[in-house]
Amino acid sequence: MTRQTPARPTDKFDDDDYPAYTMGRAAEMIGTTPAFLRAVGEARLIVPLRSEGGHRRYSRYQLRIAARARELVDQGTPVEAACRIVILEDQLEEAQRLNEELRRPAAGPGQPPGA
């Protein structure tokens, strides 16, 4: 029987998907406004978690996605188009990762994966 280590509150610091940031802090971190975060939310690029009080909370992963959209908007791309581009970039990255996994030779009996 293995004993599980109880989760510590600090474990959430390493979790890219933990919704730790308020809208104001998130906007400040990526150098934008709360209105921009609402706009990318309306475009369904990111969907923030809601606190019990109904306030939006963002994860580090969501902030990286929103920051990429902001880069495109700063270059003159409309918000809706920037969101679509970021979604397609994310899908392409995932497809390339899966493709790379499938191209690796399968491990034979007694061999570690990737050997």
C-alpha atoms as a PDB file:
ATOM      1  CA  MET A   1       0.000   0.000   0.000  1.00  0.00           C
ATOM      2  CA  THR A   2       1.477   3.349  -1.003  1.00  0.00           C
ATOM      3  CA  ARG A   3       0.988   6.409   1.067  1.00  0.00           C
ATOM      4  CA  GLN A   4      -0.071   9.562  -0.735  1.00  0.00           C
ATOM      5  CA  THR A   5       1.524  12.830   0.241  1.00  0.00           C
ATOM      6  CA  PRO A   6      -1.158  15.371   1.074  1.00  0.00           C
ATOM      7  CA  ALA A   7      -1.354  18.306  -1.305  1.00  0.00           C
ATOM      8  CA  ARG A   8       0.218  21.485   0.013  1.00  0.00           C
ATOM      9  CA  PRO A   9      -1.185  24.925  -0.768  1.00  0.00           C
ATOM     10  CA  THR A  10       2.151  25.846  -2.390  1.00  0.00           C
ATOM     11  CA  ASP A  11       1.699  23.015  -4.930  1.00  0.00           C
ATOM     12  CA  LYS A  12      -0.706  25.300  -6.791  1.00  0.00           C
ATOM     13  CA  PHE A  13       2.152  27.729  -7.570  1.00  0.00           C
ATOM     14  CA  ASP A  14       3.475  25.248 -10.129  1.00  0.00           C
ATOM     15  CA  ASP A  15       0.071  24.546 -11.701  1.00  0.00           C
ATOM     16  CA  ASP A  16      -0.281  26.448 -14.997  1.00  0.00           C
ATOM     17  CA  ASP A  17      -4.028  25.817 -14.981  1.00  0.00           C
ATOM     18  CA  TYR A  18      -4.754  27.085 -11.455  1.00  0.00           C
ATOM     19  CA  PRO A  19      -6.928  30.231 -11.703  1.00  0.00           C
ATOM     20  CA  ALA A  20      -4.858  32.383  -9.350  1.00  0.00           C
ATOM     21  CA  TYR A  21      -5.157  35.861 -10.867  1.00  0.00           C
ATOM     22  CA  THR A  22      -7.941  38.403 -10.640  1.00  0.00           C
ATOM     23  CA  MET A  23      -8.924  40.324 -13.737  1.00  0.00           C
ATOM     24  CA  GLY A  24      -7.107  43.459 -12.612  1.00  0.00           C
ATOM     25  CA  ARG A  25      -3.900  41.618 -11.754  1.00  0.00           C
ATOM     26  CA  ALA A  26      -4.079  39.547 -14.952  1.00  0.00           C
ATOM     27  CA  ALA A  27      -4.493  42.671 -17.092  1.00  0.00           C
ATOM     28  CA  GLU A  28      -1.580  44.324 -15.301  1.00  0.00           C
ATOM     29  CA  MET A  29       0.637  41.266 -15.787  1.00  0.00           C
ATOM     30  CA  ILE A  30       0.179  41.206 -19.567  1.00  0.00           C
ATOM     31  CA  GLY A  31       0.097  44.975 -19.984  1.00  0.00           C
ATOM     32  CA  THR A  32      -3.484  45.364 -21.100  1.00  0.00           C
ATOM     33  CA  THR A  33      -6.882  46.368 -19.764  1.00  0.00           C
ATOM     34  CA  PRO A  34      -9.700  44.395 -18.184  1.00  0.00           C
ATOM     35  CA  ALA A  35     -11.761  45.309 -21.277  1.00  0.00           C
ATOM     36  CA  PHE A  36      -9.270  43.425 -23.471  1.00  0.00           C
ATOM     37  CA  LEU A  37      -9.571  40.342 -21.242  1.00  0.00           C
ATOM     38  CA  ARG A  38     -13.354  40.576 -21.472  1.00  0.00           C
ATOM     39  CA  ALA A  39     -13.067  40.844 -25.286  1.00  0.00           C
ATOM     40  CA  VAL A  40     -10.911  37.712 -25.611  1.00  0.00           C
ATOM     41  CA  GLY A  41     -13.329  35.995 -23.249  1.00  0.00           C
ATOM     42  CA  GLU A  42     -16.276  36.975 -25.454  1.00  0.00           C
ATOM     43  CA  ALA A  43     -14.341  35.635 -28.462  1.00  0.00           C
ATOM     44  CA  ARG A  44     -14.056  32.337 -26.513  1.00  0.00           C
ATOM     45  CA  LEU A  45     -10.243  32.366 -26.659  1.00  0.00           C
ATOM     46  CA  ILE A  46     -10.078  31.919 -22.901  1.00  0.00           C
ATOM     47  CA  VAL A  47     -12.839  31.161 -20.432  1.00  0.00           C
ATOM     48  CA  PRO A  48     -11.911  32.328 -16.949  1.00  0.00           C
ATOM     49  CA  LEU A  49     -13.096  30.451 -13.908  1.00  0.00           C
ATOM     50  CA  ARG A  50     -15.537  32.348 -11.730  1.00  0.00           C
ATOM     51  CA  SER A  51     -14.988  32.723  -7.987  1.00  0.00           C
ATOM     52  CA  GLU A  52     -17.853  32.101  -5.579  1.00  0.00           C
ATOM     53  CA  GLY A  53     -18.543  35.836  -5.748  1.00  0.00           C
ATOM     54  CA  GLY A  54     -18.703  35.728  -9.561  1.00  0.00           C
ATOM     55  CA  HIS A  55     -15.322  37.371 -10.185  1.00  0.00           C
ATOM     56  CA  ARG A  56     -13.179  36.200 -13.097  1.00  0.00           C
ATOM     57  CA  ARG A  57      -9.993  34.287 -12.267  1.00  0.00           C
ATOM     58  CA  TYR A  58      -7.239  33.529 -14.787  1.00  0.00           C
ATOM     59  CA  SER A  59      -4.501  30.909 -14.920  1.00  0.00           C
ATOM     60  CA  ARG A  60      -0.927  31.408 -16.131  1.00  0.00           C
ATOM     61  CA  TYR A  61      -1.744  29.350 -19.227  1.00  0.00           C
ATOM     62  CA  GLN A  62      -4.686  31.619 -20.034  1.00  0.00           C
ATOM     63  CA  LEU A  63      -2.504  34.690 -19.543  1.00  0.00           C
ATOM     64  CA  ARG A  64       0.081  33.375 -22.010  1.00  0.00           C
ATOM     65  CA  ILE A  65      -2.696  32.829 -24.552  1.00  0.00           C
ATOM     66  CA  ALA A  66      -4.157  36.308 -23.933  1.00  0.00           C
ATOM     67  CA  ALA A  67      -0.673  37.874 -24.169  1.00  0.00           C
ATOM     68  CA  ARG A  68      -0.163  36.284 -27.591  1.00  0.00           C
ATOM     69  CA  ALA A  69      -3.506  37.693 -28.750  1.00  0.00           C
ATOM     70  CA  ARG A  70      -2.476  41.088 -27.423  1.00  0.00           C
ATOM     71  CA  GLU A  71       0.740  40.948 -29.490  1.00  0.00           C
ATOM     72  CA  LEU A  72      -1.328  40.384 -32.625  1.00  0.00           C
ATOM     73  CA  VAL A  73      -3.785  43.158 -31.748  1.00  0.00           C
ATOM     74  CA  ASP A  74      -0.881  45.533 -31.110  1.00  0.00           C
ATOM     75  CA  GLN A  75       0.295  44.728 -34.666  1.00  0.00           C
ATOM     76  CA  GLY A  76      -3.087  45.817 -36.047  1.00  0.00           C
ATOM     77  CA  THR A  77      -4.989  42.512 -36.145  1.00  0.00           C
ATOM     78  CA  PRO A  78      -8.661  42.764 -35.080  1.00  0.00           C
ATOM     79  CA  VAL A  79      -9.415  41.016 -31.773  1.00  0.00           C
ATOM     80  CA  GLU A  80     -11.633  38.323 -33.329  1.00  0.00           C
ATOM     81  CA  ALA A  81      -8.999  37.491 -35.957  1.00  0.00           C
ATOM     82  CA  ALA A  82      -6.211  37.500 -33.348  1.00  0.00           C
ATOM     83  CA  CYS A  83      -8.162  35.028 -31.229  1.00  0.00           C
ATOM     84  CA  ARG A  84      -8.702  32.745 -34.223  1.00  0.00           C
ATOM     85  CA  ILE A  85      -4.984  32.895 -35.092  1.00  0.00           C
ATOM     86  CA  VAL A  86      -4.001  31.998 -31.522  1.00  0.00           C
ATOM     87  CA  ILE A  87      -6.440  29.070 -31.505  1.00  0.00           C
ATOM     88  CA  LEU A  88      -4.995  27.789 -34.785  1.00  0.00           C
ATOM     89  CA  GLU A  89      -1.423  28.214 -33.510  1.00  0.00           C
ATOM     90  CA  ASP A  90      -2.299  26.241 -30.389  1.00  0.00           C
ATOM     91  CA  GLN A  91      -3.925  23.473 -32.452  1.00  0.00           C
ATOM     92  CA  LEU A  92      -0.900  23.320 -34.757  1.00  0.00           C
ATOM     93  CA  GLU A  93       1.487  23.059 -31.813  1.00  0.00           C
ATOM     94  CA  GLU A  94      -0.554  20.202 -30.336  1.00  0.00           C
ATOM     95  CA  ALA A  95      -0.715  18.385 -33.695  1.00  0.00           C
ATOM     96  CA  GLN A  96       3.045  18.719 -34.113  1.00  0.00           C
ATOM     97  CA  ARG A  97       3.604  17.361 -30.599  1.00  0.00           C
ATOM     98  CA  LEU A  98       1.369  14.354 -31.290  1.00  0.00           C
ATOM     99  CA  ASN A  99       3.014  13.782 -34.661  1.00  0.00           C
ATOM    100  CA  GLU A 100       6.444  13.755 -33.011  1.00  0.00           C
ATOM    101  CA  GLU A 101       5.222  11.255 -30.410  1.00  0.00           C
ATOM    102  CA  LEU A 102       3.918   8.944 -33.128  1.00  0.00           C
ATOM    103  CA  ARG A 103       7.171   9.144 -35.077  1.00  0.00           C
ATOM    104  CA  ARG A 104       9.245   7.888 -32.155  1.00  0.00           C
ATOM    105  CA  PRO A 105      10.078   4.197 -32.466  1.00  0.00           C
ATOM    106  CA  ALA A 106       7.989   1.972 -30.246  1.00  0.00           C
ATOM    107  CA  ALA A 107       9.844   0.408 -27.336  1.00  0.00           C
ATOM    108  CA  GLY A 108      10.433  -3.317 -27.743  1.00  0.00           C
ATOM    109  CA  PRO A 109      10.073  -5.889 -24.945  1.00  0.00           C
ATOM    110  CA  GLY A 110      12.392  -5.077 -22.087  1.00  0.00           C
ATOM    111  CA  GLN A 111      13.335  -1.661 -23.521  1.00  0.00           C
ATOM    112  CA  PRO A 112      12.450   1.619 -21.900  1.00  0.00           C
ATOM    113  CA  PRO A 113      10.138   3.906 -23.912  1.00  0.00           C
ATOM    114  CA  GLY A 114      12.020   5.933 -26.495  1.00  0.00           C
ATOM    115  CA  ALA A 115      14.954   3.497 -26.565  1.00  0.00           C
END
